[in-house]
Amino acid sequence: MSKLAILSELWQFLKVRKKWWLGPIVFFLLLLAFLIVLTEGSALAPFIYALF
């Protein structure tokens, strides 16, 4: 299953089940994941990991 299919299925779930409050949570988690991957090899990594 591709990543795009998973996002599409998640969108369908949110739409059908009216779970709109999950949208900001998912967005924030994706943003944090992107931030961690982006700063993995930089000097900012210790500061990012200190948040958790």
N, C-alpha and C. Protein backbone atom coordinates (compact mmCIF):
# COMPACT_ATOMS: atom_id res chain seq x y z
N MET A 1 0.85 -1.18 0.00
CA MET A 1 0.00 0.00 0.00
C MET A 1 0.89 1.24 0.00
N SER A 2 0.63 2.13 -0.90
CA SER A 2 1.47 3.33 -1.00
C SER A 2 1.10 4.35 0.06
N LYS A 3 2.01 5.27 0.27
CA LYS A 3 1.78 6.32 1.28
C LYS A 3 0.62 7.22 0.87
N LEU A 4 0.48 7.43 -0.42
CA LEU A 4 -0.61 8.27 -0.90
C LEU A 4 -1.96 7.60 -0.66
N ALA A 5 -2.00 6.29 -0.78
CA ALA A 5 -3.24 5.55 -0.53
C ALA A 5 -3.60 5.61 0.95
N ILE A 6 -2.62 5.58 1.80
CA ILE A 6 -2.88 5.66 3.24
C ILE A 6 -3.46 7.03 3.59
N LEU A 7 -2.89 8.09 3.01
CA LEU A 7 -3.42 9.43 3.26
C LEU A 7 -4.83 9.58 2.71
N SER A 8 -5.08 8.99 1.56
CA SER A 8 -6.42 9.03 0.98
C SER A 8 -7.42 8.29 1.86
N GLU A 9 -7.03 7.15 2.37
CA GLU A 9 -7.90 6.38 3.25
C GLU A 9 -8.16 7.13 4.56
N LEU A 10 -7.15 7.79 5.07
CA LEU A 10 -7.32 8.60 6.29
C LEU A 10 -8.30 9.75 6.03
N TRP A 11 -8.18 10.39 4.88
CA TRP A 11 -9.08 11.49 4.54
C TRP A 11 -10.52 10.98 4.43
N GLN A 12 -10.71 9.83 3.81
CA GLN A 12 -12.04 9.24 3.70
C GLN A 12 -12.61 8.91 5.07
N PHE A 13 -11.79 8.39 5.96
CA PHE A 13 -12.23 8.08 7.32
C PHE A 13 -12.70 9.34 8.04
N LEU A 14 -11.89 10.42 7.93
CA LEU A 14 -12.25 11.67 8.60
C LEU A 14 -13.55 12.24 8.03
N LYS A 15 -13.73 12.11 6.73
CA LYS A 15 -14.92 12.65 6.09
C LYS A 15 -16.17 11.87 6.46
N VAL A 16 -16.09 10.55 6.42
CA VAL A 16 -17.27 9.72 6.67
C VAL A 16 -17.65 9.73 8.15
N ARG A 17 -16.67 9.62 9.02
CA ARG A 17 -16.93 9.50 10.45
C ARG A 17 -17.07 10.85 11.15
N LYS A 18 -16.86 11.95 10.42
CA LYS A 18 -16.96 13.31 10.97
C LYS A 18 -16.00 13.51 12.15
N LYS A 19 -14.81 13.01 12.01
CA LYS A 19 -13.77 13.14 13.05
C LYS A 19 -12.83 14.30 12.71
N TRP A 20 -13.40 15.48 12.52
CA TRP A 20 -12.61 16.63 12.11
C TRP A 20 -11.59 17.05 13.16
N TRP A 21 -11.82 16.71 14.41
CA TRP A 21 -10.88 17.10 15.47
C TRP A 21 -9.56 16.35 15.35
N LEU A 22 -9.54 15.24 14.58
CA LEU A 22 -8.29 14.51 14.38
C LEU A 22 -7.37 15.20 13.37
N GLY A 23 -7.93 16.06 12.53
CA GLY A 23 -7.14 16.73 11.50
C GLY A 23 -5.95 17.50 12.04
N PRO A 24 -6.15 18.41 13.00
CA PRO A 24 -4.99 19.15 13.53
C PRO A 24 -3.97 18.25 14.23
N ILE A 25 -4.42 17.19 14.85
CA ILE A 25 -3.49 16.28 15.52
C ILE A 25 -2.61 15.58 14.49
N VAL A 26 -3.22 15.08 13.43
CA VAL A 26 -2.46 14.41 12.37
C VAL A 26 -1.50 15.39 11.70
N PHE A 27 -1.97 16.60 11.44
CA PHE A 27 -1.11 17.62 10.82
C PHE A 27 0.09 17.92 11.70
N PHE A 28 -0.13 18.08 13.00
CA PHE A 28 0.97 18.39 13.92
C PHE A 28 1.97 17.23 13.99
N LEU A 29 1.48 16.00 14.01
CA LEU A 29 2.38 14.85 14.05
C LEU A 29 3.20 14.74 12.77
N LEU A 30 2.58 15.00 11.62
CA LEU A 30 3.32 14.98 10.36
C LEU A 30 4.37 16.09 10.32
N LEU A 31 4.02 17.25 10.85
CA LEU A 31 4.96 18.36 10.90
C LEU A 31 6.16 18.03 11.79
N LEU A 32 5.91 17.44 12.94
CA LEU A 32 7.01 17.05 13.83
C LEU A 32 7.90 15.98 13.19
N ALA A 33 7.28 15.01 12.52
CA ALA A 33 8.05 13.96 11.85
C ALA A 33 8.94 14.57 10.76
N PHE A 34 8.38 15.49 10.00
CA PHE A 34 9.15 16.16 8.95
C PHE A 34 10.30 16.96 9.56
N LEU A 35 10.05 17.64 10.65
CA LEU A 35 11.09 18.42 11.31
C LEU A 35 12.22 17.53 11.83
N ILE A 36 11.88 16.40 12.39
CA ILE A 36 12.90 15.48 12.90
C ILE A 36 13.74 14.91 11.76
N VAL A 37 13.10 14.53 10.67
CA VAL A 37 13.84 14.00 9.53
C VAL A 37 14.72 15.07 8.91
N LEU A 38 14.21 16.28 8.83
CA LEU A 38 14.95 17.37 8.21
C LEU A 38 16.19 17.75 9.01
N THR A 39 16.11 17.73 10.33
CA THR A 39 17.23 18.17 11.17
C THR A 39 18.03 17.00 11.73
N GLU A 40 17.89 15.85 11.13
CA GLU A 40 18.55 14.64 11.64
C GLU A 40 20.07 14.78 11.72
N GLY A 41 20.66 15.33 10.70
CA GLY A 41 22.12 15.39 10.68
C GLY A 41 22.67 16.76 10.99
N SER A 42 21.85 17.68 11.44
CA SER A 42 22.34 19.04 11.66
C SER A 42 22.68 19.27 13.13
N ALA A 43 23.16 20.47 13.39
CA ALA A 43 23.51 20.84 14.76
C ALA A 43 22.27 21.13 15.60
N LEU A 44 21.11 21.25 14.96
CA LEU A 44 19.87 21.52 15.69
C LEU A 44 19.26 20.25 16.30
N ALA A 45 19.76 19.10 15.91
CA ALA A 45 19.16 17.83 16.36
C ALA A 45 19.08 17.72 17.89
N PRO A 46 20.12 18.04 18.65
CA PRO A 46 19.99 17.91 20.12
C PRO A 46 18.89 18.80 20.70
N PHE A 47 18.65 19.95 20.10
CA PHE A 47 17.61 20.84 20.61
C PHE A 47 16.22 20.32 20.27
N ILE A 48 16.07 19.72 19.10
CA ILE A 48 14.79 19.16 18.70
C ILE A 48 14.46 17.97 19.59
N TYR A 49 15.42 17.08 19.81
CA TYR A 49 15.17 15.90 20.60
C TYR A 49 14.94 16.24 22.08
N ALA A 50 15.44 17.38 22.51
CA ALA A 50 15.23 17.80 23.90
C ALA A 50 13.77 18.17 24.16
N LEU A 51 13.04 18.49 23.11
CA LEU A 51 11.61 18.81 23.26
C LEU A 51 10.80 17.60 23.70
N PHE A 52 11.27 16.43 23.39
CA PHE A 52 10.53 15.21 23.69
C PHE A 52 11.03 14.60 24.97
